[in-house]
Amino acid sequence: MPRKKKPNDHGTGIPYHEVEALARVLLPEIQAFFESEKGQREFADWKAQQQTEQQKQV
């Protein structure tokens, strides 16, 4: 009797093809945001915040 193959859903319970379909929709939107002026500004703010938090830990 052949063994049933486990789905590779990384523990989410979401089928791989559904995750891939969602990624195909979201990725272009995420890329467009980070290429925009607002996205660049928010990323710079986040990066500065991360550096501040790292300095506090040291």
C-alpha atoms as a PDB file:
ATOM      1  CA  MET A   1       0.000   0.000   0.000  1.00  0.00           C
ATOM      2  CA  PRO A   2       1.552   3.375  -0.993  1.00  0.00           C
ATOM      3  CA  ARG A   3       2.072   5.931   1.718  1.00  0.00           C
ATOM      4  CA  LYS A   4       0.064   9.121   1.619  1.00  0.00           C
ATOM      5  CA  LYS A   5       2.310  12.068   0.849  1.00  0.00           C
ATOM      6  CA  LYS A   6       2.185  14.833   3.432  1.00  0.00           C
ATOM      7  CA  PRO A   7       1.278  18.242   2.023  1.00  0.00           C
ATOM      8  CA  ASN A   8       4.115  20.758   2.188  1.00  0.00           C
ATOM      9  CA  ASP A   9       2.142  23.534   3.834  1.00  0.00           C
ATOM     10  CA  HIS A  10       4.814  24.485   6.410  1.00  0.00           C
ATOM     11  CA  GLY A  11       2.355  23.843   9.217  1.00  0.00           C
ATOM     12  CA  THR A  12      -0.176  26.433   8.092  1.00  0.00           C
ATOM     13  CA  GLY A  13      -2.831  24.066   6.812  1.00  0.00           C
ATOM     14  CA  ILE A  14      -3.042  26.218   3.673  1.00  0.00           C
ATOM     15  CA  PRO A  15      -2.428  24.319   0.450  1.00  0.00           C
ATOM     16  CA  TYR A  16       0.727  25.330  -1.406  1.00  0.00           C
ATOM     17  CA  HIS A  17      -1.145  26.364  -4.547  1.00  0.00           C
ATOM     18  CA  GLU A  18      -3.274  28.787  -2.492  1.00  0.00           C
ATOM     19  CA  VAL A  19      -0.200  30.383  -0.913  1.00  0.00           C
ATOM     20  CA  GLU A  20       1.400  30.702  -4.331  1.00  0.00           C
ATOM     21  CA  ALA A  21      -1.730  32.337  -5.804  1.00  0.00           C
ATOM     22  CA  LEU A  22      -1.845  34.820  -2.936  1.00  0.00           C
ATOM     23  CA  ALA A  23       1.849  35.620  -3.358  1.00  0.00           C
ATOM     24  CA  ARG A  24       1.317  36.287  -7.078  1.00  0.00           C
ATOM     25  CA  VAL A  25      -1.287  38.913  -6.158  1.00  0.00           C
ATOM     26  CA  LEU A  26       0.505  40.492  -3.202  1.00  0.00           C
ATOM     27  CA  LEU A  27       4.112  40.613  -4.403  1.00  0.00           C
ATOM     28  CA  PRO A  28       3.613  43.258  -7.122  1.00  0.00           C
ATOM     29  CA  GLU A  29       1.668  45.429  -4.658  1.00  0.00           C
ATOM     30  CA  ILE A  30       4.389  45.122  -2.012  1.00  0.00           C
ATOM     31  CA  GLN A  31       7.098  45.923  -4.564  1.00  0.00           C
ATOM     32  CA  ALA A  32       5.180  48.976  -5.805  1.00  0.00           C
ATOM     33  CA  PHE A  33       4.768  50.245  -2.229  1.00  0.00           C
ATOM     34  CA  PHE A  34       8.460  49.974  -1.408  1.00  0.00           C
ATOM     35  CA  GLU A  35       9.396  51.677  -4.694  1.00  0.00           C
ATOM     36  CA  SER A  36       7.092  54.619  -3.884  1.00  0.00           C
ATOM     37  CA  GLU A  37       8.174  57.727  -2.000  1.00  0.00           C
ATOM     38  CA  LYS A  38       5.949  56.857   0.949  1.00  0.00           C
ATOM     39  CA  GLY A  39       7.333  53.323   1.081  1.00  0.00           C
ATOM     40  CA  GLN A  40      10.923  54.567   0.983  1.00  0.00           C
ATOM     41  CA  ARG A  41      10.188  57.015   3.809  1.00  0.00           C
ATOM     42  CA  GLU A  42       8.488  54.383   5.970  1.00  0.00           C
ATOM     43  CA  PHE A  43      11.339  51.930   5.384  1.00  0.00           C
ATOM     44  CA  ALA A  44      13.901  54.568   6.393  1.00  0.00           C
ATOM     45  CA  ASP A  45      11.878  55.290   9.567  1.00  0.00           C
ATOM     46  CA  TRP A  46      11.676  51.562  10.356  1.00  0.00           C
ATOM     47  CA  LYS A  47      15.396  51.123   9.755  1.00  0.00           C
ATOM     48  CA  ALA A  48      16.234  54.020  12.097  1.00  0.00           C
ATOM     49  CA  GLN A  49      13.947  52.566  14.747  1.00  0.00           C
ATOM     50  CA  GLN A  50      15.647  49.168  14.443  1.00  0.00           C
ATOM     51  CA  GLN A  51      19.085  50.753  14.867  1.00  0.00           C
ATOM     52  CA  THR A  52      17.894  52.642  17.945  1.00  0.00           C
ATOM     53  CA  GLU A  53      16.535  49.436  19.490  1.00  0.00           C
ATOM     54  CA  GLN A  54      19.793  47.586  18.757  1.00  0.00           C
ATOM     55  CA  GLN A  55      21.818  50.317  20.459  1.00  0.00           C
ATOM     56  CA  LYS A  56      19.596  50.080  23.540  1.00  0.00           C
ATOM     57  CA  GLN A  57      20.291  46.338  23.796  1.00  0.00           C
ATOM     58  CA  VAL A  58      24.059  46.822  23.813  1.00  0.00           C
END
